[in-house]
Structures are given as structure tokens and as C-alpha cells.
Amino acid sequence: MAFQDTFSNINDESLILYKIKTHTKRKLPKINKQSSTQTKLKYYRRLNDIDQSELAEQLNVSREVVMAIENKAKSYYDVETINKIVEILDIKGKFGKSNTYLTFLMNDPIKQIKDFREKNNLSMNQLAKLLNVSYATIKRWENGTSTISNENYKRFRSLTL
């Protein structure tokens, strides 16, 4: 009864939006420096008390996309989706060195690839040969129409070390 009384006393002219969650905090997976990207994303999503459906809605994707990101070892992550997740969950800088691929994707991979190629005086063809990919692949990476896969990133990273 007290709950109803409180709401009946609110001025009709005031617009107050309440979001009442009836669930308790979801069980957090344990994470450490070696935890997978999937586990870390799930951890931070749950820490923010957001379920997969809510995150999917905010990302404008299906829940299945969020499930796949959190539960499957992926060789490729969509840069735009990952950056939106990082922004929504406010987790920039939380991945450290444990996932260099994800960190790479969150920090303008197009610029990093171009800068590396230019710094080392490499043509697109030369970089393509070093990475065992086609010229067209390098061009798509640098134009932002395609994203480097985790496997290709590892080869790229070995050149930068």
C-alpha cells in the first residue's frame, strides 16, 4: 500500500521514469588477466546489470549476436559492435594486454595498419605478401570495408614487434 501511496502523490505534471528490475544481480564469472575476451565481456555486462537482450537492443542487433560474442571463440569481431559494447559498458582500457586483438580493434585499426605500412615504406602489395593475404584484402582493411581477422592480426602483430 505504501508503494501505491507514494506514486499517487507524484505531481501529474512531472514526468518521472522508473525502471524497476525484479531480478537480482547476475552471478559474475571469475576473471583474471588470462580470461578470454568472451568471459570479460560477460563479466562487465553482468557487473552493469544488463542482460543480453537489453544489450542487444542498445546495439540494435539480435540477442543471438550478443550470445555469439560472449560464448563462442571468435576469429573475427565487428569493430563497430565491439566499440559500442565498450562504450555502453564503459570498459575502455579494461582489457589490457590480455587481448591484444580486441585492444587493436578498439584503437583505430585502419590507422594502425596504414601507419605501420607507411612507416616501414611498404606498398599494399608488399604488406599483402608479408601477411600472406591479397592486395585487395589490405585495401579493404585500410578503407574500413573489412576488418582484419584475429589470425591475420597475429601475423601483423609479429611484424610490428
C-alpha atoms as a PDB file:
ATOM      1  CA  MET A   1       0.000   0.000   0.000  1.00  0.00           C
ATOM      2  CA  ALA A   2       2.846   2.429   0.795  1.00  0.00           C
ATOM      3  CA  PHE A   3       4.239   1.918  -2.727  1.00  0.00           C
ATOM      4  CA  GLN A   4       0.888   2.935  -4.287  1.00  0.00           C
ATOM      5  CA  ASP A   5       0.549   5.917  -1.935  1.00  0.00           C
ATOM      6  CA  THR A   6       3.967   7.194  -2.965  1.00  0.00           C
ATOM      7  CA  PHE A   7       3.061   7.104  -6.651  1.00  0.00           C
ATOM      8  CA  SER A   8      -0.367   8.660  -6.127  1.00  0.00           C
ATOM      9  CA  ASN A   9       1.319  11.685  -4.505  1.00  0.00           C
ATOM     10  CA  ILE A  10       3.524  12.432  -7.535  1.00  0.00           C
ATOM     11  CA  ASN A  11       2.509  15.615  -9.324  1.00  0.00           C
ATOM     12  CA  ASP A  12       0.799  14.690 -12.602  1.00  0.00           C
ATOM     13  CA  GLU A  13       2.751  17.384 -14.447  1.00  0.00           C
ATOM     14  CA  SER A  14       6.077  15.774 -13.550  1.00  0.00           C
ATOM     15  CA  LEU A  15       7.362  13.085 -15.818  1.00  0.00           C
ATOM     16  CA  ILE A  16       9.298  10.573 -13.798  1.00  0.00           C
ATOM     17  CA  LEU A  17      10.655   7.461 -15.390  1.00  0.00           C
ATOM     18  CA  TYR A  18      11.363   4.464 -13.203  1.00  0.00           C
ATOM     19  CA  LYS A  19      12.991   1.278 -14.270  1.00  0.00           C
ATOM     20  CA  ILE A  20      12.461  -1.333 -11.637  1.00  0.00           C
ATOM     21  CA  LYS A  21      14.394  -4.526 -12.107  1.00  0.00           C
ATOM     22  CA  THR A  22      12.952  -7.500 -10.320  1.00  0.00           C
ATOM     23  CA  HIS A  23      15.945  -9.752 -10.819  1.00  0.00           C
ATOM     24  CA  THR A  24      18.922  -9.863  -8.547  1.00  0.00           C
ATOM     25  CA  LYS A  25      22.460  -9.265  -9.733  1.00  0.00           C
ATOM     26  CA  ARG A  26      23.512 -11.999 -12.093  1.00  0.00           C
ATOM     27  CA  LYS A  27      26.281 -14.293 -10.971  1.00  0.00           C
ATOM     28  CA  LEU A  28      29.580 -12.825 -12.136  1.00  0.00           C
ATOM     29  CA  PRO A  29      32.057 -15.113 -13.839  1.00  0.00           C
ATOM     30  CA  LYS A  30      35.516 -15.013 -12.320  1.00  0.00           C
ATOM     31  CA  ILE A  31      38.059 -13.160 -14.415  1.00  0.00           C
ATOM     32  CA  ASN A  32      41.785 -12.612 -14.332  1.00  0.00           C
ATOM     33  CA  LYS A  33      44.476 -11.398 -16.730  1.00  0.00           C
ATOM     34  CA  GLN A  34      44.280 -14.590 -18.790  1.00  0.00           C
ATOM     35  CA  SER A  35      40.473 -14.643 -19.070  1.00  0.00           C
ATOM     36  CA  SER A  36      39.072 -14.786 -22.570  1.00  0.00           C
ATOM     37  CA  THR A  37      37.511 -11.773 -24.226  1.00  0.00           C
ATOM     38  CA  GLN A  38      34.157 -13.538 -24.089  1.00  0.00           C
ATOM     39  CA  THR A  39      34.373 -14.040 -20.327  1.00  0.00           C
ATOM     40  CA  LYS A  40      35.433 -10.441 -19.751  1.00  0.00           C
ATOM     41  CA  LEU A  41      32.588  -9.030 -21.845  1.00  0.00           C
ATOM     42  CA  LYS A  42      30.093 -11.217 -19.993  1.00  0.00           C
ATOM     43  CA  TYR A  43      31.618 -10.159 -16.646  1.00  0.00           C
ATOM     44  CA  TYR A  44      31.352  -6.430 -17.379  1.00  0.00           C
ATOM     45  CA  ARG A  45      27.856  -6.772 -18.853  1.00  0.00           C
ATOM     46  CA  ARG A  46      26.667  -8.537 -15.722  1.00  0.00           C
ATOM     47  CA  LEU A  47      28.549  -6.096 -13.494  1.00  0.00           C
ATOM     48  CA  ASN A  48      26.492  -3.335 -15.142  1.00  0.00           C
ATOM     49  CA  ASP A  49      23.354  -5.432 -14.507  1.00  0.00           C
ATOM     50  CA  ILE A  50      22.443  -5.608 -18.181  1.00  0.00           C
ATOM     51  CA  ASP A  51      21.065  -8.804 -19.668  1.00  0.00           C
ATOM     52  CA  GLN A  52      21.843  -9.982 -23.194  1.00  0.00           C
ATOM     53  CA  SER A  53      18.501  -8.799 -24.565  1.00  0.00           C
ATOM     54  CA  GLU A  54      18.992  -5.300 -23.170  1.00  0.00           C
ATOM     55  CA  LEU A  55      22.494  -5.069 -24.601  1.00  0.00           C
ATOM     56  CA  ALA A  56      21.290  -6.380 -27.959  1.00  0.00           C
ATOM     57  CA  GLU A  57      18.561  -3.738 -28.011  1.00  0.00           C
ATOM     58  CA  GLN A  58      21.083  -0.983 -27.293  1.00  0.00           C
ATOM     59  CA  LEU A  59      23.352  -2.319 -30.034  1.00  0.00           C
ATOM     60  CA  ASN A  60      20.438  -2.698 -32.452  1.00  0.00           C
ATOM     61  CA  VAL A  61      21.314  -6.348 -33.052  1.00  0.00           C
ATOM     62  CA  SER A  62      19.671  -9.633 -32.124  1.00  0.00           C
ATOM     63  CA  ARG A  63      20.281 -11.349 -28.805  1.00  0.00           C
ATOM     64  CA  GLU A  64      21.947 -14.145 -30.760  1.00  0.00           C
ATOM     65  CA  VAL A  65      24.714 -11.722 -31.794  1.00  0.00           C
ATOM     66  CA  VAL A  66      25.430 -10.899 -28.149  1.00  0.00           C
ATOM     67  CA  MET A  67      25.295 -14.612 -27.251  1.00  0.00           C
ATOM     68  CA  ALA A  68      27.782 -15.410 -30.013  1.00  0.00           C
ATOM     69  CA  ILE A  69      30.171 -12.683 -28.882  1.00  0.00           C
ATOM     70  CA  GLU A  70      30.055 -13.899 -25.286  1.00  0.00           C
ATOM     71  CA  ASN A  71      30.010 -17.649 -25.778  1.00  0.00           C
ATOM     72  CA  LYS A  72      31.970 -18.548 -28.887  1.00  0.00           C
ATOM     73  CA  ALA A  73      35.654 -18.213 -29.561  1.00  0.00           C
ATOM     74  CA  LYS A  74      35.597 -15.838 -32.489  1.00  0.00           C
ATOM     75  CA  SER A  75      38.280 -15.290 -35.047  1.00  0.00           C
ATOM     76  CA  TYR A  76      36.654 -12.005 -36.068  1.00  0.00           C
ATOM     77  CA  TYR A  77      34.878  -9.233 -34.152  1.00  0.00           C
ATOM     78  CA  ASP A  78      32.925  -6.446 -35.796  1.00  0.00           C
ATOM     79  CA  VAL A  79      34.784  -3.252 -34.833  1.00  0.00           C
ATOM     80  CA  GLU A  80      31.661  -1.097 -34.658  1.00  0.00           C
ATOM     81  CA  THR A  81      29.810  -3.575 -32.418  1.00  0.00           C
ATOM     82  CA  ILE A  82      32.791  -4.015 -30.084  1.00  0.00           C
ATOM     83  CA  ASN A  83      33.265  -0.251 -29.795  1.00  0.00           C
ATOM     84  CA  LYS A  84      29.569   0.195 -28.975  1.00  0.00           C
ATOM     85  CA  ILE A  85      29.794  -2.519 -26.295  1.00  0.00           C
ATOM     86  CA  VAL A  86      32.880  -0.869 -24.821  1.00  0.00           C
ATOM     87  CA  GLU A  87      31.043   2.462 -24.733  1.00  0.00           C
ATOM     88  CA  ILE A  88      27.806   1.060 -23.275  1.00  0.00           C
ATOM     89  CA  LEU A  89      29.612  -0.911 -20.570  1.00  0.00           C
ATOM     90  CA  ASP A  90      32.197   1.850 -20.017  1.00  0.00           C
ATOM     91  CA  ILE A  91      35.107  -0.597 -20.190  1.00  0.00           C
ATOM     92  CA  LYS A  92      37.694   1.154 -22.332  1.00  0.00           C
ATOM     93  CA  GLY A  93      41.110   0.143 -21.054  1.00  0.00           C
ATOM     94  CA  LYS A  94      39.811  -2.860 -19.083  1.00  0.00           C
ATOM     95  CA  PHE A  95      41.273  -5.479 -21.425  1.00  0.00           C
ATOM     96  CA  GLY A  96      44.913  -4.550 -21.028  1.00  0.00           C
ATOM     97  CA  LYS A  97      47.399  -6.853 -22.671  1.00  0.00           C
ATOM     98  CA  SER A  98      45.285  -9.969 -22.179  1.00  0.00           C
ATOM     99  CA  ASN A  99      43.626  -9.490 -25.550  1.00  0.00           C
ATOM    100  CA  THR A 100      45.777  -7.506 -27.891  1.00  0.00           C
ATOM    101  CA  TYR A 101      43.436  -8.211 -30.827  1.00  0.00           C
ATOM    102  CA  LEU A 102      40.465  -6.614 -29.111  1.00  0.00           C
ATOM    103  CA  THR A 103      42.615  -3.701 -27.925  1.00  0.00           C
ATOM    104  CA  PHE A 104      43.859  -3.298 -31.511  1.00  0.00           C
ATOM    105  CA  LEU A 105      40.274  -3.187 -32.813  1.00  0.00           C
ATOM    106  CA  MET A 106      39.245  -0.580 -30.244  1.00  0.00           C
ATOM    107  CA  ASN A 107      42.104   1.739 -31.222  1.00  0.00           C
ATOM    108  CA  ASP A 108      41.520   2.569 -34.892  1.00  0.00           C
ATOM    109  CA  PRO A 109      42.872  -0.493 -36.717  1.00  0.00           C
ATOM    110  CA  ILE A 110      42.681   1.311 -40.064  1.00  0.00           C
ATOM    111  CA  LYS A 111      45.119   3.981 -38.908  1.00  0.00           C
ATOM    112  CA  GLN A 112      47.410   1.429 -37.245  1.00  0.00           C
ATOM    113  CA  ILE A 113      47.721  -0.641 -40.428  1.00  0.00           C
ATOM    114  CA  LYS A 114      48.269   2.413 -42.647  1.00  0.00           C
ATOM    115  CA  ASP A 115      50.769   3.933 -40.226  1.00  0.00           C
ATOM    116  CA  PHE A 116      52.741   0.693 -39.993  1.00  0.00           C
ATOM    117  CA  ARG A 117      52.853   0.306 -43.762  1.00  0.00           C
ATOM    118  CA  GLU A 118      53.898   3.920 -44.339  1.00  0.00           C
ATOM    119  CA  LYS A 119      56.444   3.929 -41.501  1.00  0.00           C
ATOM    120  CA  ASN A 120      58.098   0.855 -42.997  1.00  0.00           C
ATOM    121  CA  ASN A 121      57.887   2.118 -46.593  1.00  0.00           C
ATOM    122  CA  LEU A 122      55.724  -0.807 -47.659  1.00  0.00           C
ATOM    123  CA  SER A 123      53.282  -0.805 -50.525  1.00  0.00           C
ATOM    124  CA  MET A 124      49.951  -2.545 -50.101  1.00  0.00           C
ATOM    125  CA  ASN A 125      51.290  -5.357 -52.278  1.00  0.00           C
ATOM    126  CA  GLN A 126      54.405  -5.761 -50.136  1.00  0.00           C
ATOM    127  CA  LEU A 127      52.399  -5.878 -46.902  1.00  0.00           C
ATOM    128  CA  ALA A 128      49.975  -8.338 -48.505  1.00  0.00           C
ATOM    129  CA  LYS A 129      52.867 -10.666 -49.361  1.00  0.00           C
ATOM    130  CA  LEU A 130      54.303 -10.417 -45.841  1.00  0.00           C
ATOM    131  CA  LEU A 131      50.931 -11.346 -44.342  1.00  0.00           C
ATOM    132  CA  ASN A 132      50.077 -13.937 -46.999  1.00  0.00           C
ATOM    133  CA  VAL A 133      46.871 -12.143 -47.998  1.00  0.00           C
ATOM    134  CA  SER A 134      45.788 -10.429 -51.196  1.00  0.00           C
ATOM    135  CA  TYR A 135      46.301  -6.805 -52.165  1.00  0.00           C
ATOM    136  CA  ALA A 136      42.507  -6.435 -52.154  1.00  0.00           C
ATOM    137  CA  THR A 137      42.398  -7.580 -48.512  1.00  0.00           C
ATOM    138  CA  ILE A 138      44.888  -4.895 -47.444  1.00  0.00           C
ATOM    139  CA  LYS A 139      42.918  -2.317 -49.422  1.00  0.00           C
ATOM    140  CA  ARG A 140      39.652  -3.367 -47.695  1.00  0.00           C
ATOM    141  CA  TRP A 141      41.328  -3.159 -44.258  1.00  0.00           C
ATOM    142  CA  GLU A 142      42.664   0.317 -44.975  1.00  0.00           C
ATOM    143  CA  ASN A 143      39.361   1.515 -46.449  1.00  0.00           C
ATOM    144  CA  GLY A 144      37.435   0.135 -43.489  1.00  0.00           C
ATOM    145  CA  THR A 145      35.209  -2.100 -45.592  1.00  0.00           C
ATOM    146  CA  SER A 146      36.622  -5.205 -43.923  1.00  0.00           C
ATOM    147  CA  THR A 147      38.209  -5.941 -40.573  1.00  0.00           C
ATOM    148  CA  ILE A 148      41.388  -7.891 -40.030  1.00  0.00           C
ATOM    149  CA  SER A 149      40.723 -11.330 -38.526  1.00  0.00           C
ATOM    150  CA  ASN A 150      42.386 -12.484 -35.329  1.00  0.00           C
ATOM    151  CA  GLU A 151      44.572 -14.897 -37.307  1.00  0.00           C
ATOM    152  CA  ASN A 152      45.764 -12.160 -39.681  1.00  0.00           C
ATOM    153  CA  TYR A 153      46.183  -9.765 -36.769  1.00  0.00           C
ATOM    154  CA  LYS A 154      48.598 -12.206 -35.119  1.00  0.00           C
ATOM    155  CA  ARG A 155      50.725 -12.230 -38.282  1.00  0.00           C
ATOM    156  CA  PHE A 156      50.509  -8.424 -38.495  1.00  0.00           C
ATOM    157  CA  ARG A 157      51.481  -8.109 -34.840  1.00  0.00           C
ATOM    158  CA  SER A 158      54.530 -10.324 -35.306  1.00  0.00           C
ATOM    159  CA  LEU A 159      55.744  -7.812 -37.911  1.00  0.00           C
ATOM    160  CA  THR A 160      55.313  -4.914 -35.514  1.00  0.00           C
ATOM    161  CA  LEU A 161      57.247  -6.431 -32.618  1.00  0.00           C
END
